[in-house]
Structure formats: structure tokens, C-alpha cells
Amino acid sequence: MRDGRFDGTAFRARREALGQTRSACAIKANLSESFIKAVELGKSEPGDNNAAALAAAVDLDLADLTLPKLPPD
């Protein structure tokens, strides 16, 4: 994501609070379950379009799931 990092932990908490399975979320966001799992575990960083689709799938604004960028090493 251009403006920060996607908060996969907050996304998962919201998805689970809604009672939404990964499968249902994948359908809603038009993404694969394996990609959603990787994002939730911090193993994959979604691009802007996928991040927006994930946020919409759990009825949040993308800003609600955005963390600051990490400084360069």
C-alpha cells in the first residue's frame, strides 16, 4: 500500500467479529482464501486495490486498517 501498511490483525478481528468466514470474505472481496490468510498472518501485503476490497468486505474504511509505513532498514 502506498500510504502505509495493511493491518491484517485488525482485519481478521473485524472479520471474525462479523462472524464472517475466510471463504465468505473471499467471495465478497473477490480474492482467494489463501491470499486473505496470508494478509491476516502478515505474510503478504495487499496492493491498494486489494486492500480497499478487503476493507469493504468487512464494512470499514481503508484508513481503519492502515498502519504507518515502517522506516527503511
PDB file of N, CA and C in Angstrom:
ATOM      1  N   MET A   1       0.841  -1.176   0.000  1.00  0.00           N
ATOM      2  CA  MET A   1       0.000   0.000   0.000  1.00  0.00           C
ATOM      3  C   MET A   1       0.884   1.237   0.000  1.00  0.00           C
ATOM      4  N   ARG A   2       0.467   2.179  -0.735  1.00  0.00           N
ATOM      5  CA  ARG A   2       1.243   3.415  -0.864  1.00  0.00           C
ATOM      6  C   ARG A   2       1.311   4.221   0.421  1.00  0.00           C
ATOM      7  N   ASP A   3       0.213   4.329   1.143  1.00  0.00           N
ATOM      8  CA  ASP A   3       0.138   5.251   2.283  1.00  0.00           C
ATOM      9  C   ASP A   3       0.429   4.604   3.635  1.00  0.00           C
ATOM     10  N   GLY A   4       0.762   3.345   3.650  1.00  0.00           N
ATOM     11  CA  GLY A   4       1.039   2.675   4.915  1.00  0.00           C
ATOM     12  C   GLY A   4       1.033   1.179   4.746  1.00  0.00           C
ATOM     13  N   ARG A   5       0.870   0.486   5.862  1.00  0.00           N
ATOM     14  CA  ARG A   5       0.817  -0.973   5.862  1.00  0.00           C
ATOM     15  C   ARG A   5      -0.589  -1.413   6.243  1.00  0.00           C
ATOM     16  N   PHE A   6      -1.028  -2.507   5.664  1.00  0.00           N
ATOM     17  CA  PHE A   6      -2.348  -3.045   5.965  1.00  0.00           C
ATOM     18  C   PHE A   6      -2.277  -3.778   7.300  1.00  0.00           C
ATOM     19  N   ASP A   7      -3.239  -3.521   8.175  1.00  0.00           N
ATOM     20  CA  ASP A   7      -3.288  -4.155   9.496  1.00  0.00           C
ATOM     21  C   ASP A   7      -4.085  -5.456   9.401  1.00  0.00           C
ATOM     22  N   GLY A   8      -3.378  -6.531   9.084  1.00  0.00           N
ATOM     23  CA  GLY A   8      -4.018  -7.834   8.932  1.00  0.00           C
ATOM     24  C   GLY A   8      -4.650  -8.345  10.209  1.00  0.00           C
ATOM     25  N   THR A   9      -4.051  -8.008  11.353  1.00  0.00           N
ATOM     26  CA  THR A   9      -4.590  -8.446  12.641  1.00  0.00           C
ATOM     27  C   THR A   9      -5.941  -7.784  12.914  1.00  0.00           C
ATOM     28  N   ALA A  10      -6.029  -6.485  12.671  1.00  0.00           N
ATOM     29  CA  ALA A  10      -7.296  -5.769  12.860  1.00  0.00           C
ATOM     30  C   ALA A  10      -8.341  -6.248  11.858  1.00  0.00           C
ATOM     31  N   PHE A  11      -7.890  -6.528  10.642  1.00  0.00           N
ATOM     32  CA  PHE A  11      -8.812  -7.045   9.627  1.00  0.00           C
ATOM     33  C   PHE A  11      -9.408  -8.369  10.089  1.00  0.00           C
ATOM     34  N   ARG A  12      -8.560  -9.277  10.550  1.00  0.00           N
ATOM     35  CA  ARG A  12      -9.045 -10.587  10.997  1.00  0.00           C
ATOM     36  C   ARG A  12     -10.007 -10.439  12.178  1.00  0.00           C
ATOM     37  N   ALA A  13      -9.668  -9.579  13.129  1.00  0.00           N
ATOM     38  CA  ALA A  13     -10.538  -9.364  14.290  1.00  0.00           C
ATOM     39  C   ALA A  13     -11.912  -8.864  13.840  1.00  0.00           C
ATOM     40  N   ARG A  14     -11.930  -7.944  12.902  1.00  0.00           N
ATOM     41  CA  ARG A  14     -13.200  -7.409  12.397  1.00  0.00           C
ATOM     42  C   ARG A  14     -13.983  -8.492  11.657  1.00  0.00           C
ATOM     43  N   ARG A  15     -13.294  -9.248  10.798  1.00  0.00           N
ATOM     44  CA  ARG A  15     -13.958 -10.327  10.050  1.00  0.00           C
ATOM     45  C   ARG A  15     -14.590 -11.322  11.006  1.00  0.00           C
ATOM     46  N   GLU A  16     -13.846 -11.719  12.025  1.00  0.00           N
ATOM     47  CA  GLU A  16     -14.364 -12.677  12.999  1.00  0.00           C
ATOM     48  C   GLU A  16     -15.494 -12.082  13.832  1.00  0.00           C
ATOM     49  N   ALA A  17     -15.397 -10.799  14.182  1.00  0.00           N
ATOM     50  CA  ALA A  17     -16.466 -10.138  14.941  1.00  0.00           C
ATOM     51  C   ALA A  17     -17.769 -10.113  14.147  1.00  0.00           C
ATOM     52  N   LEU A  18     -17.637 -10.030  12.832  1.00  0.00           N
ATOM     53  CA  LEU A  18     -18.819 -10.051  11.967  1.00  0.00           C
ATOM     54  C   LEU A  18     -19.346 -11.469  11.752  1.00  0.00           C
ATOM     55  N   GLY A  19     -18.610 -12.470  12.249  1.00  0.00           N
ATOM     56  CA  GLY A  19     -19.000 -13.862  12.051  1.00  0.00           C
ATOM     57  C   GLY A  19     -18.765 -14.324  10.619  1.00  0.00           C
ATOM     58  N   GLN A  20     -17.837 -13.683   9.954  1.00  0.00           N
ATOM     59  CA  GLN A  20     -17.569 -13.948   8.541  1.00  0.00           C
ATOM     60  C   GLN A  20     -16.422 -14.948   8.400  1.00  0.00           C
ATOM     61  N   THR A  21     -16.621 -16.002   7.641  1.00  0.00           N
ATOM     62  CA  THR A  21     -15.545 -16.946   7.377  1.00  0.00           C
ATOM     63  C   THR A  21     -14.593 -16.358   6.339  1.00  0.00           C
ATOM     64  N   ARG A  22     -13.410 -16.937   6.243  1.00  0.00           N
ATOM     65  CA  ARG A  22     -12.490 -16.503   5.187  1.00  0.00           C
ATOM     66  C   ARG A  22     -13.116 -16.734   3.817  1.00  0.00           C
ATOM     67  N   SER A  23     -13.817 -17.845   3.699  1.00  0.00           N
ATOM     68  CA  SER A  23     -14.450 -18.169   2.423  1.00  0.00           C
ATOM     69  C   SER A  23     -15.471 -17.111   2.020  1.00  0.00           C
ATOM     70  N   ALA A  24     -16.318 -16.721   2.942  1.00  0.00           N
ATOM     71  CA  ALA A  24     -17.332 -15.699   2.655  1.00  0.00           C
ATOM     72  C   ALA A  24     -16.669 -14.361   2.344  1.00  0.00           C
ATOM     73  N   CYS A  25     -15.620 -14.050   3.090  1.00  0.00           N
ATOM     74  CA  CYS A  25     -14.899 -12.801   2.868  1.00  0.00           C
ATOM     75  C   CYS A  25     -14.228 -12.814   1.496  1.00  0.00           C
ATOM     76  N   ALA A  26     -13.657 -13.944   1.124  1.00  0.00           N
ATOM     77  CA  ALA A  26     -13.002 -14.073  -0.177  1.00  0.00           C
ATOM     78  C   ALA A  26     -13.987 -13.821  -1.309  1.00  0.00           C
ATOM     79  N   ILE A  27     -15.173 -14.353  -1.174  1.00  0.00           N
ATOM     80  CA  ILE A  27     -16.204 -14.137  -2.193  1.00  0.00           C
ATOM     81  C   ILE A  27     -16.582 -12.668  -2.256  1.00  0.00           C
ATOM     82  N   LYS A  28     -16.792 -12.079  -1.094  1.00  0.00           N
ATOM     83  CA  LYS A  28     -17.197 -10.665  -1.030  1.00  0.00           C
ATOM     84  C   LYS A  28     -16.125  -9.737  -1.608  1.00  0.00           C
ATOM     85  N   ALA A  29     -14.838 -10.062  -1.355  1.00  0.00           N
ATOM     86  CA  ALA A  29     -13.738  -9.216  -1.813  1.00  0.00           C
ATOM     87  C   ALA A  29     -13.218  -9.626  -3.194  1.00  0.00           C
ATOM     88  N   ASN A  30     -13.706 -10.763  -3.701  1.00  0.00           N
ATOM     89  CA  ASN A  30     -13.237 -11.304  -4.982  1.00  0.00           C
ATOM     90  C   ASN A  30     -11.730 -11.598  -4.936  1.00  0.00           C
ATOM     91  N   LEU A  31     -11.306 -12.202  -3.824  1.00  0.00           N
ATOM     92  CA  LEU A  31      -9.914 -12.585  -3.615  1.00  0.00           C
ATOM     93  C   LEU A  31      -9.882 -14.030  -3.120  1.00  0.00           C
ATOM     94  N   SER A  32      -8.729 -14.652  -3.146  1.00  0.00           N
ATOM     95  CA  SER A  32      -8.626 -16.043  -2.707  1.00  0.00           C
ATOM     96  C   SER A  32      -8.528 -16.136  -1.185  1.00  0.00           C
ATOM     97  N   GLU A  33      -9.015 -17.257  -0.655  1.00  0.00           N
ATOM     98  CA  GLU A  33      -8.899 -17.505   0.784  1.00  0.00           C
ATOM     99  C   GLU A  33      -7.437 -17.536   1.210  1.00  0.00           C
ATOM    100  N   SER A  34      -6.584 -18.131   0.386  1.00  0.00           N
ATOM    101  CA  SER A  34      -5.173 -18.239   0.748  1.00  0.00           C
ATOM    102  C   SER A  34      -4.518 -16.857   0.819  1.00  0.00           C
ATOM    103  N   PHE A  35      -4.926 -15.955  -0.055  1.00  0.00           N
ATOM    104  CA  PHE A  35      -4.395 -14.593  -0.003  1.00  0.00           C
ATOM    105  C   PHE A  35      -4.853 -13.897   1.272  1.00  0.00           C
ATOM    106  N   ILE A  36      -6.119 -14.047   1.619  1.00  0.00           N
ATOM    107  CA  ILE A  36      -6.647 -13.429   2.840  1.00  0.00           C
ATOM    108  C   ILE A  36      -5.922 -13.972   4.064  1.00  0.00           C
ATOM    109  N   LYS A  37      -5.694 -15.272   4.102  1.00  0.00           N
ATOM    110  CA  LYS A  37      -4.958 -15.871   5.223  1.00  0.00           C
ATOM    111  C   LYS A  37      -3.554 -15.276   5.316  1.00  0.00           C
ATOM    112  N   ALA A  38      -2.867 -15.157   4.181  1.00  0.00           N
ATOM    113  CA  ALA A  38      -1.517 -14.600   4.166  1.00  0.00           C
ATOM    114  C   ALA A  38      -1.514 -13.153   4.654  1.00  0.00           C
ATOM    115  N   VAL A  39      -2.519 -12.381   4.274  1.00  0.00           N
ATOM    116  CA  VAL A  39      -2.617 -10.985   4.724  1.00  0.00           C
ATOM    117  C   VAL A  39      -2.858 -10.946   6.233  1.00  0.00           C
ATOM    118  N   GLU A  40      -3.767 -11.778   6.717  1.00  0.00           N
ATOM    119  CA  GLU A  40      -4.070 -11.800   8.155  1.00  0.00           C
ATOM    120  C   GLU A  40      -2.852 -12.185   8.986  1.00  0.00           C
ATOM    121  N   LEU A  41      -2.011 -13.057   8.448  1.00  0.00           N
ATOM    122  CA  LEU A  41      -0.823 -13.513   9.168  1.00  0.00           C
ATOM    123  C   LEU A  41       0.394 -12.612   8.946  1.00  0.00           C
ATOM    124  N   GLY A  42       0.217 -11.556   8.144  1.00  0.00           N
ATOM    125  CA  GLY A  42       1.309 -10.630   7.882  1.00  0.00           C
ATOM    126  C   GLY A  42       2.340 -11.160   6.905  1.00  0.00           C
ATOM    127  N   LYS A  43       1.991 -12.198   6.166  1.00  0.00           N
ATOM    128  CA  LYS A  43       2.918 -12.790   5.196  1.00  0.00           C
ATOM    129  C   LYS A  43       2.784 -12.179   3.813  1.00  0.00           C
ATOM    130  N   SER A  44       1.740 -11.396   3.612  1.00  0.00           N
ATOM    131  CA  SER A  44       1.519 -10.728   2.331  1.00  0.00           C
ATOM    132  C   SER A  44       0.948  -9.347   2.589  1.00  0.00           C
ATOM    133  N   GLU A  45       1.381  -8.392   1.795  1.00  0.00           N
ATOM    134  CA  GLU A  45       0.905  -7.007   1.898  1.00  0.00           C
ATOM    135  C   GLU A  45       0.060  -6.711   0.658  1.00  0.00           C
ATOM    136  N   PRO A  46      -1.230  -6.438   0.833  1.00  0.00           N
ATOM    137  CA  PRO A  46      -2.067  -6.185  -0.338  1.00  0.00           C
ATOM    138  C   PRO A  46      -1.745  -4.842  -0.988  1.00  0.00           C
ATOM    139  N   GLY A  47      -1.916  -4.784  -2.295  1.00  0.00           N
ATOM    140  CA  GLY A  47      -1.813  -3.511  -3.001  1.00  0.00           C
ATOM    141  C   GLY A  47      -3.031  -2.662  -2.697  1.00  0.00           C
ATOM    142  N   ASP A  48      -3.051  -1.466  -3.216  1.00  0.00           N
ATOM    143  CA  ASP A  48      -4.132  -0.521  -2.918  1.00  0.00           C
ATOM    144  C   ASP A  48      -5.518  -1.068  -3.253  1.00  0.00           C
ATOM    145  N   ASN A  49      -5.675  -1.667  -4.427  1.00  0.00           N
ATOM    146  CA  ASN A  49      -6.995  -2.157  -4.834  1.00  0.00           C
ATOM    147  C   ASN A  49      -7.460  -3.320  -3.973  1.00  0.00           C
ATOM    148  N   ASN A  50      -6.563  -4.260  -3.691  1.00  0.00           N
ATOM    149  CA  ASN A  50      -6.936  -5.401  -2.853  1.00  0.00           C
ATOM    150  C   ASN A  50      -7.201  -4.973  -1.415  1.00  0.00           C
ATOM    151  N   ALA A  51      -6.422  -4.019  -0.918  1.00  0.00           N
ATOM    152  CA  ALA A  51      -6.645  -3.515   0.438  1.00  0.00           C
ATOM    153  C   ALA A  51      -8.021  -2.861   0.544  1.00  0.00           C
ATOM    154  N   ALA A  52      -8.383  -2.095  -0.462  1.00  0.00           N
ATOM    155  CA  ALA A  52      -9.702  -1.452  -0.467  1.00  0.00           C
ATOM    156  C   ALA A  52     -10.808  -2.498  -0.521  1.00  0.00           C
ATOM    157  N   ALA A  53     -10.605  -3.562  -1.303  1.00  0.00           N
ATOM    158  CA  ALA A  53     -11.606  -4.639  -1.400  1.00  0.00           C
ATOM    159  C   ALA A  53     -11.748  -5.360  -0.074  1.00  0.00           C
ATOM    160  N   LEU A  54     -10.639  -5.590   0.609  1.00  0.00           N
ATOM    161  CA  LEU A  54     -10.692  -6.248   1.914  1.00  0.00           C
ATOM    162  C   LEU A  54     -11.424  -5.375   2.938  1.00  0.00           C
ATOM    163  N   ALA A  55     -11.110  -4.094   2.962  1.00  0.00           N
ATOM    164  CA  ALA A  55     -11.779  -3.184   3.896  1.00  0.00           C
ATOM    165  C   ALA A  55     -13.281  -3.154   3.632  1.00  0.00           C
ATOM    166  N   ALA A  56     -13.658  -3.073   2.372  1.00  0.00           N
ATOM    167  CA  ALA A  56     -15.080  -3.035   2.013  1.00  0.00           C
ATOM    168  C   ALA A  56     -15.781  -4.337   2.416  1.00  0.00           C
ATOM    169  N   ALA A  57     -15.073  -5.455   2.316  1.00  0.00           N
ATOM    170  CA  ALA A  57     -15.662  -6.753   2.654  1.00  0.00           C
ATOM    171  C   ALA A  57     -16.038  -6.851   4.127  1.00  0.00           C
ATOM    172  N   VAL A  58     -15.375  -6.051   4.968  1.00  0.00           N
ATOM    173  CA  VAL A  58     -15.705  -6.053   6.398  1.00  0.00           C
ATOM    174  C   VAL A  58     -16.314  -4.713   6.835  1.00  0.00           C
ATOM    175  N   ASP A  59     -16.836  -3.987   5.862  1.00  0.00           N
ATOM    176  CA  ASP A  59     -17.570  -2.733   6.117  1.00  0.00           C
ATOM    177  C   ASP A  59     -16.771  -1.692   6.901  1.00  0.00           C
ATOM    178  N   LEU A  60     -15.493  -1.521   6.521  1.00  0.00           N
ATOM    179  CA  LEU A  60     -14.653  -0.496   7.118  1.00  0.00           C
ATOM    180  C   LEU A  60     -14.047   0.373   6.025  1.00  0.00           C
ATOM    181  N   ASP A  61     -13.620   1.563   6.418  1.00  0.00           N
ATOM    182  CA  ASP A  61     -12.840   2.401   5.517  1.00  0.00           C
ATOM    183  C   ASP A  61     -11.409   1.875   5.537  1.00  0.00           C
ATOM    184  N   LEU A  62     -10.717   2.018   4.436  1.00  0.00           N
ATOM    185  CA  LEU A  62      -9.336   1.552   4.368  1.00  0.00           C
ATOM    186  C   LEU A  62      -8.476   2.207   5.451  1.00  0.00           C
ATOM    187  N   ALA A  63      -8.755   3.459   5.773  1.00  0.00           N
ATOM    188  CA  ALA A  63      -7.984   4.158   6.813  1.00  0.00           C
ATOM    189  C   ALA A  63      -8.055   3.436   8.153  1.00  0.00           C
ATOM    190  N   ASP A  64      -9.165   2.735   8.416  1.00  0.00           N
ATOM    191  CA  ASP A  64      -9.316   1.999   9.671  1.00  0.00           C
ATOM    192  C   ASP A  64      -8.375   0.806   9.766  1.00  0.00           C
ATOM    193  N   LEU A  65      -7.851   0.363   8.633  1.00  0.00           N
ATOM    194  CA  LEU A  65      -6.985  -0.811   8.595  1.00  0.00           C
ATOM    195  C   LEU A  65      -5.572  -0.484   8.117  1.00  0.00           C
ATOM    196  N   THR A  66      -5.200   0.793   8.199  1.00  0.00           N
ATOM    197  CA  THR A  66      -3.887   1.220   7.720  1.00  0.00           C
ATOM    198  C   THR A  66      -2.986   1.608   8.884  1.00  0.00           C
ATOM    199  N   LEU A  67      -1.808   1.003   8.906  1.00  0.00           N
ATOM    200  CA  LEU A  67      -0.765   1.320   9.883  1.00  0.00           C
ATOM    201  C   LEU A  67       0.286   2.192   9.213  1.00  0.00           C
ATOM    202  N   PRO A  68       1.053   2.954   9.971  1.00  0.00           N
ATOM    203  CA  PRO A  68       2.125   3.750   9.357  1.00  0.00           C
ATOM    204  C   PRO A  68       3.151   2.850   8.684  1.00  0.00           C
ATOM    205  N   LYS A  69       3.791   3.384   7.655  1.00  0.00           N
ATOM    206  CA  LYS A  69       4.875   2.646   6.999  1.00  0.00           C
ATOM    207  C   LYS A  69       6.030   2.484   7.964  1.00  0.00           C
ATOM    208  N   LEU A  70       6.741   1.370   7.817  1.00  0.00           N
ATOM    209  CA  LEU A  70       7.940   1.160   8.626  1.00  0.00           C
ATOM    210  C   LEU A  70       9.086   1.955   8.021  1.00  0.00           C
ATOM    211  N   PRO A  71       9.957   2.489   8.866  1.00  0.00           N
ATOM    212  CA  PRO A  71      11.113   3.214   8.308  1.00  0.00           C
ATOM    213  C   PRO A  71      12.041   2.226   7.597  1.00  0.00           C
ATOM    214  N   PRO A  72      12.800   2.697   6.614  1.00  0.00           N
ATOM    215  CA  PRO A  72      13.727   1.801   5.915  1.00  0.00           C
ATOM    216  C   PRO A  72      14.777   1.260   6.875  1.00  0.00           C
ATOM    217  N   ASP A  73      15.270   0.076   6.595  1.00  0.00           N
ATOM    218  CA  ASP A  73      16.304  -0.553   7.441  1.00  0.00           C
ATOM    219  C   ASP A  73      17.600   0.196   7.349  1.00  0.00           C
TER     220      ASP A  73
END
